[in-house]
């Protein structure tokens, strides 16, 4: 039986059907590629939520303040020299550290940090980062958890 005699009800042979299907798939792939090129330079991932936290006016935090911000995962301190913030996220595997008598302690793997965040024991590879503290235009303290500053950097009011 030849290919010409094997036609369906519409009069198309199997070979013609496969040829047209292959060509249609080819041109659909080309069209998808061409239409996709304009979006390549633009990031498809949407940015995450801002990690800048407004806290309150400086007067609300007297000298000697040591406050853990549980939801934001950092500690805010105020001493005679100014404000500073230290992250509460352990640099080993990201556990949340707690304050201890001589600094900070990680409950997961035993890392120990001094009061200024330096590693004094355990598997943590580096110190707890200090975070940028600044004042907003409306006079409130703001901690930017995305911006690290050098250890010992304090915001003076």
N, C-alpha and C. Protein backbone atom coordinates (compact mmCIF):
# COMPACT_ATOMS: atom_id res chain seq x y z
N UNK A 1 0.85 -1.17 0.00
CA UNK A 1 0.00 0.00 0.00
C UNK A 1 0.89 1.23 0.00
N UNK A 2 0.73 2.11 -0.94
CA UNK A 2 1.57 3.30 -1.03
C UNK A 2 1.06 4.39 -0.11
N UNK A 3 1.90 5.39 0.11
CA UNK A 3 1.56 6.50 1.00
C UNK A 3 0.40 7.31 0.45
N UNK A 4 0.30 7.36 -0.87
CA UNK A 4 -0.77 8.13 -1.49
C UNK A 4 -2.14 7.49 -1.25
N UNK A 5 -2.17 6.19 -1.12
CA UNK A 5 -3.46 5.52 -0.91
C UNK A 5 -3.88 5.54 0.55
N UNK A 6 -2.97 5.89 1.48
CA UNK A 6 -3.29 5.94 2.91
C UNK A 6 -3.66 7.36 3.30
N UNK A 7 -4.74 7.83 2.89
CA UNK A 7 -5.20 9.18 3.24
C UNK A 7 -6.39 9.05 4.17
N UNK A 8 -6.49 10.01 5.11
CA UNK A 8 -7.62 9.97 6.03
C UNK A 8 -8.85 10.60 5.37
N UNK A 9 -9.86 10.87 6.14
CA UNK A 9 -11.11 11.42 5.61
C UNK A 9 -10.92 12.79 4.97
N UNK A 10 -9.95 13.58 5.48
CA UNK A 10 -9.73 14.93 4.95
C UNK A 10 -8.80 14.93 3.74
N UNK A 11 -8.30 13.83 3.39
CA UNK A 11 -7.46 13.72 2.21
C UNK A 11 -6.00 14.04 2.46
N UNK A 12 -5.49 13.89 3.69
CA UNK A 12 -4.09 14.18 4.00
C UNK A 12 -3.39 12.87 4.36
N UNK A 13 -2.21 12.71 3.80
CA UNK A 13 -1.48 11.48 4.09
C UNK A 13 -0.75 11.59 5.43
N UNK A 14 -0.34 10.47 5.94
CA UNK A 14 0.39 10.43 7.21
C UNK A 14 1.69 11.22 7.10
N UNK A 15 2.40 11.08 5.99
CA UNK A 15 3.65 11.79 5.78
C UNK A 15 3.44 13.31 5.79
N UNK A 16 2.39 13.76 5.14
CA UNK A 16 2.09 15.21 5.12
C UNK A 16 1.72 15.71 6.52
N UNK A 17 0.98 14.89 7.27
CA UNK A 17 0.60 15.27 8.63
C UNK A 17 1.85 15.42 9.52
N UNK A 18 2.77 14.46 9.44
CA UNK A 18 3.99 14.54 10.24
C UNK A 18 4.87 15.71 9.81
N UNK A 19 4.94 15.98 8.54
CA UNK A 19 5.73 17.11 8.03
C UNK A 19 5.17 18.43 8.54
N UNK A 20 3.85 18.59 8.42
CA UNK A 20 3.21 19.83 8.87
C UNK A 20 3.33 19.98 10.40
N UNK A 21 3.23 18.88 11.12
CA UNK A 21 3.39 18.94 12.58
C UNK A 21 4.81 19.36 12.96
N UNK A 22 5.81 18.80 12.29
CA UNK A 22 7.21 19.15 12.57
C UNK A 22 7.47 20.62 12.25
N UNK A 23 6.97 21.09 11.11
CA UNK A 23 7.16 22.50 10.75
C UNK A 23 6.44 23.43 11.74
N UNK A 24 5.24 23.06 12.14
CA UNK A 24 4.50 23.87 13.11
C UNK A 24 5.24 23.96 14.44
N UNK A 25 5.79 22.84 14.92
CA UNK A 25 6.56 22.82 16.16
C UNK A 25 7.82 23.66 16.03
N UNK A 26 8.49 23.55 14.90
CA UNK A 26 9.71 24.34 14.66
C UNK A 26 9.42 25.83 14.72
N UNK A 27 8.37 26.27 13.99
CA UNK A 27 8.06 27.70 13.97
C UNK A 27 7.53 28.20 15.32
N UNK A 28 6.85 27.36 16.07
CA UNK A 28 6.39 27.75 17.41
C UNK A 28 7.60 27.95 18.34
N UNK A 29 8.60 27.07 18.22
CA UNK A 29 9.81 27.23 19.04
C UNK A 29 10.56 28.50 18.67
N UNK A 30 10.66 28.79 17.37
CA UNK A 30 11.32 30.03 16.92
C UNK A 30 10.56 31.25 17.45
N UNK A 31 9.24 31.24 17.34
CA UNK A 31 8.43 32.37 17.82
C UNK A 31 8.59 32.55 19.33
N UNK A 32 8.59 31.47 20.09
CA UNK A 32 8.78 31.57 21.54
C UNK A 32 10.14 32.15 21.89
N UNK A 33 11.16 31.76 21.14
CA UNK A 33 12.51 32.28 21.38
C UNK A 33 12.58 33.77 21.07
N UNK A 34 12.04 34.17 19.93
CA UNK A 34 12.08 35.58 19.52
C UNK A 34 11.28 36.43 20.51
N UNK A 35 10.13 35.96 20.93
CA UNK A 35 9.31 36.73 21.88
C UNK A 35 9.95 36.77 23.27
N UNK A 36 10.78 35.80 23.61
CA UNK A 36 11.42 35.77 24.92
C UNK A 36 12.64 36.65 25.03
N UNK A 37 13.27 37.02 23.91
CA UNK A 37 14.48 37.83 23.96
C UNK A 37 14.31 39.18 24.65
N UNK A 38 13.24 39.93 24.43
CA UNK A 38 13.14 41.25 25.08
C UNK A 38 13.13 41.21 26.61
N UNK A 39 12.71 40.10 27.22
CA UNK A 39 12.65 40.06 28.68
C UNK A 39 13.94 39.59 29.32
N UNK A 40 14.94 39.17 28.54
CA UNK A 40 16.19 38.69 29.11
C UNK A 40 16.93 39.71 29.96
N UNK A 41 17.02 40.98 29.55
CA UNK A 41 17.76 41.93 30.38
C UNK A 41 17.07 42.29 31.70
N UNK A 42 15.79 42.01 31.81
CA UNK A 42 15.04 42.38 33.01
C UNK A 42 15.00 41.22 33.98
N UNK A 43 15.27 41.47 35.27
CA UNK A 43 15.18 40.37 36.23
C UNK A 43 13.73 39.95 36.44
N UNK A 44 13.51 38.67 36.48
CA UNK A 44 12.16 38.15 36.69
C UNK A 44 11.87 38.00 38.18
N UNK A 45 12.91 37.88 38.98
CA UNK A 45 12.75 37.72 40.42
C UNK A 45 12.36 39.06 41.02
N UNK A 46 11.32 39.07 41.79
CA UNK A 46 10.91 40.32 42.44
C UNK A 46 11.75 40.52 43.70
N UNK A 47 12.03 41.77 44.04
CA UNK A 47 12.86 42.01 45.23
C UNK A 47 12.14 41.59 46.50
N UNK A 48 12.92 41.18 47.48
CA UNK A 48 12.36 40.79 48.76
C UNK A 48 11.92 42.01 49.57
N UNK A 49 11.33 41.78 50.70
CA UNK A 49 10.91 42.90 51.52
C UNK A 49 12.11 43.69 52.04
N UNK A 50 11.91 44.96 52.27
CA UNK A 50 12.97 45.82 52.78
C UNK A 50 13.38 45.35 54.17
N UNK A 51 14.67 45.41 54.43
CA UNK A 51 15.17 45.03 55.76
C UNK A 51 15.68 46.27 56.48
N UNK A 52 14.99 47.38 56.31
CA UNK A 52 15.28 48.61 57.04
C UNK A 52 14.15 48.78 58.06
N UNK A 53 14.54 48.92 59.32
CA UNK A 53 13.55 48.92 60.39
C UNK A 53 13.57 50.24 61.14
N UNK A 54 12.41 50.90 61.19
CA UNK A 54 12.24 52.12 61.99
C UNK A 54 11.89 51.68 63.40
N UNK A 55 12.57 52.27 64.39
CA UNK A 55 12.38 51.82 65.76
C UNK A 55 11.66 52.82 66.66
N UNK A 56 12.03 54.03 66.64
CA UNK A 56 11.48 55.02 67.55
C UNK A 56 12.46 56.16 67.69
N UNK A 57 12.12 57.13 68.47
CA UNK A 57 13.01 58.27 68.66
C UNK A 57 14.16 57.88 69.59
N UNK A 58 15.30 58.53 69.47
CA UNK A 58 16.43 58.20 70.33
C UNK A 58 16.12 58.36 71.82
N UNK A 59 15.23 59.26 72.16
CA UNK A 59 14.89 59.48 73.56
C UNK A 59 14.21 58.28 74.19
N UNK A 60 13.61 57.41 73.37
CA UNK A 60 12.94 56.22 73.89
C UNK A 60 13.92 55.16 74.35
N UNK A 61 15.20 55.32 74.03
CA UNK A 61 16.22 54.33 74.37
C UNK A 61 17.30 54.99 75.22
N UNK A 62 17.20 54.93 76.54
CA UNK A 62 18.20 55.56 77.39
C UNK A 62 19.54 54.82 77.33
N UNK A 63 20.59 55.47 77.79
CA UNK A 63 21.92 54.84 77.84
C UNK A 63 21.82 53.57 78.67
N UNK A 64 22.49 52.51 78.22
CA UNK A 64 22.43 51.22 78.89
C UNK A 64 21.39 50.29 78.30
N UNK A 65 20.69 50.74 77.27
CA UNK A 65 19.68 49.91 76.61
C UNK A 65 20.33 48.74 75.88
N UNK A 66 19.77 47.57 76.07
CA UNK A 66 20.16 46.36 75.32
C UNK A 66 18.86 45.65 74.98
N UNK A 67 18.44 45.78 73.73
CA UNK A 67 17.13 45.32 73.32
C UNK A 67 17.25 44.30 72.19
N UNK A 68 16.63 43.13 72.34
CA UNK A 68 16.63 42.15 71.25
C UNK A 68 15.35 42.35 70.45
N UNK A 69 15.52 42.54 69.16
CA UNK A 69 14.40 42.67 68.25
C UNK A 69 14.16 41.28 67.64
N UNK A 70 13.24 40.52 68.23
CA UNK A 70 13.03 39.12 67.85
C UNK A 70 12.62 38.96 66.39
N UNK A 71 11.64 39.71 65.96
CA UNK A 71 11.12 39.57 64.60
C UNK A 71 12.15 39.99 63.56
N UNK A 72 12.94 41.01 63.89
CA UNK A 72 13.91 41.56 62.95
C UNK A 72 15.28 40.87 63.03
N UNK A 73 15.50 40.10 64.09
CA UNK A 73 16.74 39.33 64.29
C UNK A 73 17.99 40.20 64.43
N UNK A 74 17.93 41.17 65.33
CA UNK A 74 19.12 41.92 65.69
C UNK A 74 18.98 42.45 67.11
N UNK A 75 20.11 42.87 67.66
CA UNK A 75 20.15 43.48 68.99
C UNK A 75 20.45 44.96 68.80
N UNK A 76 19.75 45.81 69.54
CA UNK A 76 20.02 47.24 69.53
C UNK A 76 20.59 47.62 70.89
N UNK A 77 21.70 48.33 70.88
CA UNK A 77 22.36 48.76 72.11
C UNK A 77 22.54 50.26 72.09
N UNK A 78 22.50 50.85 73.28
CA UNK A 78 22.86 52.25 73.44
C UNK A 78 23.75 52.36 74.66
N UNK A 79 24.91 52.95 74.44
CA UNK A 79 25.79 53.24 75.57
C UNK A 79 26.08 54.74 75.56
N UNK A 80 27.04 55.19 76.36
CA UNK A 80 27.34 56.61 76.46
C UNK A 80 27.84 57.20 75.14
N UNK A 81 28.40 56.35 74.27
CA UNK A 81 28.97 56.82 73.01
C UNK A 81 27.94 56.87 71.87
N UNK A 82 26.86 56.11 71.96
CA UNK A 82 25.86 56.13 70.90
C UNK A 82 25.15 54.80 70.73
N UNK A 83 24.49 54.66 69.58
CA UNK A 83 23.72 53.46 69.26
C UNK A 83 24.53 52.54 68.37
N UNK A 84 24.32 51.23 68.53
CA UNK A 84 24.87 50.25 67.60
C UNK A 84 23.96 49.03 67.58
N UNK A 85 23.99 48.33 66.45
CA UNK A 85 23.15 47.14 66.28
C UNK A 85 24.03 45.99 65.81
N UNK A 86 23.77 44.81 66.37
CA UNK A 86 24.50 43.60 66.01
C UNK A 86 23.47 42.56 65.59
N UNK A 87 23.72 41.88 64.47
CA UNK A 87 22.79 40.88 64.00
C UNK A 87 22.68 39.73 65.00
N UNK A 88 21.52 39.09 65.02
CA UNK A 88 21.30 37.94 65.90
C UNK A 88 21.39 36.64 65.11
N UNK A 89 21.87 36.72 63.87
CA UNK A 89 21.96 35.53 63.02
C UNK A 89 23.39 35.01 63.04
N UNK A 90 23.56 33.80 63.53
CA UNK A 90 24.87 33.18 63.63
C UNK A 90 25.51 33.04 62.25
N UNK A 91 26.79 33.34 62.17
CA UNK A 91 27.50 33.26 60.89
C UNK A 91 27.88 31.83 60.52
N UNK A 92 27.58 30.87 61.36
CA UNK A 92 27.89 29.47 61.04
C UNK A 92 26.82 28.90 60.11
N UNK A 93 25.61 28.71 60.61
CA UNK A 93 24.54 28.14 59.79
C UNK A 93 23.24 28.91 59.87
N UNK A 94 23.27 30.12 60.40
CA UNK A 94 22.09 30.97 60.40
C UNK A 94 21.12 30.80 61.55
N UNK A 95 21.53 30.14 62.61
CA UNK A 95 20.66 30.02 63.79
C UNK A 95 20.57 31.39 64.47
N UNK A 96 19.59 31.57 65.31
CA UNK A 96 19.42 32.82 66.03
C UNK A 96 20.14 32.72 67.38
N UNK A 97 21.08 33.64 67.60
CA UNK A 97 21.85 33.62 68.84
C UNK A 97 21.07 34.31 69.95
N UNK A 98 21.46 34.04 71.17
CA UNK A 98 20.86 34.71 72.32
C UNK A 98 21.97 35.38 73.11
N UNK A 99 21.58 36.33 73.93
CA UNK A 99 22.56 37.02 74.75
C UNK A 99 22.94 36.13 75.92
N UNK A 100 24.23 36.13 76.24
CA UNK A 100 24.71 35.40 77.40
C UNK A 100 25.41 36.39 78.31
N UNK A 101 25.94 35.93 79.42
CA UNK A 101 26.57 36.83 80.38
C UNK A 101 27.82 37.49 79.82
N UNK A 102 28.53 36.81 78.93
CA UNK A 102 29.77 37.37 78.40
C UNK A 102 29.69 37.70 76.92
N UNK A 103 28.48 37.77 76.34
CA UNK A 103 28.32 38.10 74.93
C UNK A 103 27.10 37.45 74.33
N UNK A 104 27.35 36.57 73.34
CA UNK A 104 26.26 35.90 72.64
C UNK A 104 26.59 34.41 72.51
N UNK A 105 25.55 33.59 72.45
CA UNK A 105 25.74 32.15 72.32
C UNK A 105 24.75 31.61 71.30
N UNK A 106 25.24 30.70 70.45
CA UNK A 106 24.39 30.03 69.47
C UNK A 106 23.91 28.72 70.08
N UNK A 107 22.60 28.52 70.17
CA UNK A 107 22.09 27.30 70.78
C UNK A 107 22.20 26.06 69.89
N UNK A 108 22.43 26.25 68.62
CA UNK A 108 22.45 25.10 67.69
C UNK A 108 23.76 24.33 67.70
N UNK A 109 24.88 25.03 67.52
CA UNK A 109 26.15 24.33 67.36
C UNK A 109 27.23 24.82 68.31
N UNK A 110 26.86 25.66 69.27
CA UNK A 110 27.78 26.03 70.32
C UNK A 110 28.73 27.18 70.03
N UNK A 111 28.53 27.93 68.97
CA UNK A 111 29.40 29.09 68.74
C UNK A 111 29.22 30.09 69.87
N UNK A 112 30.31 30.74 70.25
CA UNK A 112 30.29 31.76 71.29
C UNK A 112 30.89 33.03 70.72
N UNK A 113 30.28 34.15 71.09
CA UNK A 113 30.72 35.45 70.60
C UNK A 113 30.91 36.39 71.78
N UNK A 114 31.86 37.30 71.68
CA UNK A 114 32.07 38.29 72.73
C UNK A 114 30.95 39.33 72.67
N UNK A 115 30.98 40.29 73.60
CA UNK A 115 29.94 41.32 73.66
C UNK A 115 29.93 42.20 72.41
N UNK A 116 31.06 42.30 71.70
CA UNK A 116 31.07 43.08 70.47
C UNK A 116 30.91 42.21 69.22
N UNK A 117 30.58 40.92 69.41
CA UNK A 117 30.27 40.03 68.31
C UNK A 117 31.42 39.22 67.75
N UNK A 118 32.62 39.36 68.30
CA UNK A 118 33.76 38.58 67.79
C UNK A 118 33.66 37.13 68.24
N UNK A 119 34.14 36.23 67.40
CA UNK A 119 34.08 34.80 67.69
C UNK A 119 35.09 34.47 68.79
N UNK A 120 34.60 33.81 69.85
CA UNK A 120 35.49 33.37 70.92
C UNK A 120 35.49 31.85 71.07
N UNK A 121 34.60 31.15 70.34
CA UNK A 121 34.58 29.70 70.39
C UNK A 121 33.53 29.12 69.47
N UNK A 122 33.76 27.89 69.07
CA UNK A 122 32.78 27.21 68.24
C UNK A 122 33.08 27.27 66.76
N UNK A 123 32.17 26.76 65.98
CA UNK A 123 32.43 26.63 64.54
C UNK A 123 32.15 27.89 63.70
N UNK A 124 31.66 28.97 64.28
CA UNK A 124 31.34 30.16 63.47
C UNK A 124 32.59 30.67 62.76
N UNK A 125 32.52 30.93 61.45
CA UNK A 125 33.69 31.34 60.69
C UNK A 125 34.05 32.81 60.83
N UNK A 126 33.10 33.64 61.25
CA UNK A 126 33.40 35.07 61.39
C UNK A 126 32.50 35.70 62.45
N UNK A 127 32.83 36.93 62.79
CA UNK A 127 32.10 37.64 63.84
C UNK A 127 30.67 37.96 63.40
N UNK A 128 29.83 38.27 64.39
CA UNK A 128 28.48 38.73 64.10
C UNK A 128 28.58 40.13 63.49
N UNK A 129 27.97 40.35 62.34
CA UNK A 129 28.07 41.66 61.71
C UNK A 129 27.36 42.77 62.49
N UNK A 130 27.97 43.94 62.49
CA UNK A 130 27.34 45.14 63.02
C UNK A 130 26.54 45.75 61.88
N UNK A 131 25.38 46.29 62.20
CA UNK A 131 24.47 46.84 61.20
C UNK A 131 24.43 48.36 61.28
N UNK A 132 24.14 48.98 60.16
CA UNK A 132 24.10 50.44 60.09
C UNK A 132 22.90 50.99 60.86
N UNK A 133 23.16 51.96 61.72
CA UNK A 133 22.11 52.66 62.46
C UNK A 133 22.14 54.10 61.99
N UNK A 134 20.97 54.66 61.69
CA UNK A 134 20.90 56.06 61.24
C UNK A 134 19.61 56.69 61.76
N UNK A 135 19.41 57.93 61.39
CA UNK A 135 18.22 58.67 61.81
C UNK A 135 17.41 59.00 60.56
N UNK A 136 16.10 58.75 60.60
CA UNK A 136 15.23 59.06 59.47
C UNK A 136 14.90 60.55 59.50
N UNK A 137 14.40 61.11 58.41
CA UNK A 137 14.04 62.53 58.39
C UNK A 137 13.01 62.92 59.46
N UNK A 138 12.17 61.97 59.86
CA UNK A 138 11.18 62.29 60.90
C UNK A 138 11.72 62.07 62.31
N UNK A 139 13.03 61.86 62.45
CA UNK A 139 13.67 61.80 63.76
C UNK A 139 13.64 60.46 64.45
N UNK A 140 13.41 59.39 63.72
CA UNK A 140 13.38 58.06 64.33
C UNK A 140 14.64 57.29 63.96
N UNK A 141 15.03 56.38 64.86
CA UNK A 141 16.17 55.52 64.58
C UNK A 141 15.79 54.50 63.51
N UNK A 142 16.75 54.18 62.65
CA UNK A 142 16.53 53.17 61.64
C UNK A 142 17.74 52.25 61.60
N UNK A 143 17.47 50.94 61.61
CA UNK A 143 18.53 49.95 61.47
C UNK A 143 18.38 49.33 60.09
N UNK A 144 19.46 49.37 59.32
CA UNK A 144 19.49 48.79 57.98
C UNK A 144 20.19 47.43 58.07
N UNK A 145 19.40 46.36 58.10
CA UNK A 145 19.94 45.02 58.26
C UNK A 145 20.62 44.51 57.00
N UNK A 146 20.57 45.27 55.93
CA UNK A 146 21.24 44.88 54.68
C UNK A 146 22.61 45.51 54.55
N UNK A 147 22.93 46.43 55.43
CA UNK A 147 24.20 47.15 55.32
C UNK A 147 25.04 46.95 56.58
N UNK A 148 26.17 46.27 56.41
CA UNK A 148 27.09 46.04 57.51
C UNK A 148 28.03 47.23 57.65
N UNK A 149 28.45 47.46 58.90
CA UNK A 149 29.45 48.50 59.18
C UNK A 149 30.58 47.86 59.98
N UNK A 150 31.67 48.57 60.11
CA UNK A 150 32.82 48.05 60.84
C UNK A 150 32.48 47.89 62.32
N UNK A 151 33.09 46.88 62.93
CA UNK A 151 32.90 46.65 64.36
C UNK A 151 33.35 47.91 65.11
N UNK A 152 32.53 48.37 66.02
CA UNK A 152 32.85 49.56 66.79
C UNK A 152 32.21 50.82 66.25
N UNK A 153 31.55 50.75 65.09
CA UNK A 153 30.91 51.92 64.51
C UNK A 153 29.62 52.20 65.27
N UNK A 154 29.54 53.40 65.84
CA UNK A 154 28.36 53.77 66.62
C UNK A 154 27.73 55.02 66.04
N UNK A 155 26.40 55.08 66.14
CA UNK A 155 25.66 56.25 65.65
C UNK A 155 25.49 57.20 66.82
N UNK A 156 26.05 58.38 66.67
CA UNK A 156 25.97 59.40 67.73
C UNK A 156 24.73 60.26 67.50
N UNK A 157 24.04 60.56 68.59
CA UNK A 157 22.85 61.43 68.50
C UNK A 157 23.16 62.76 69.13
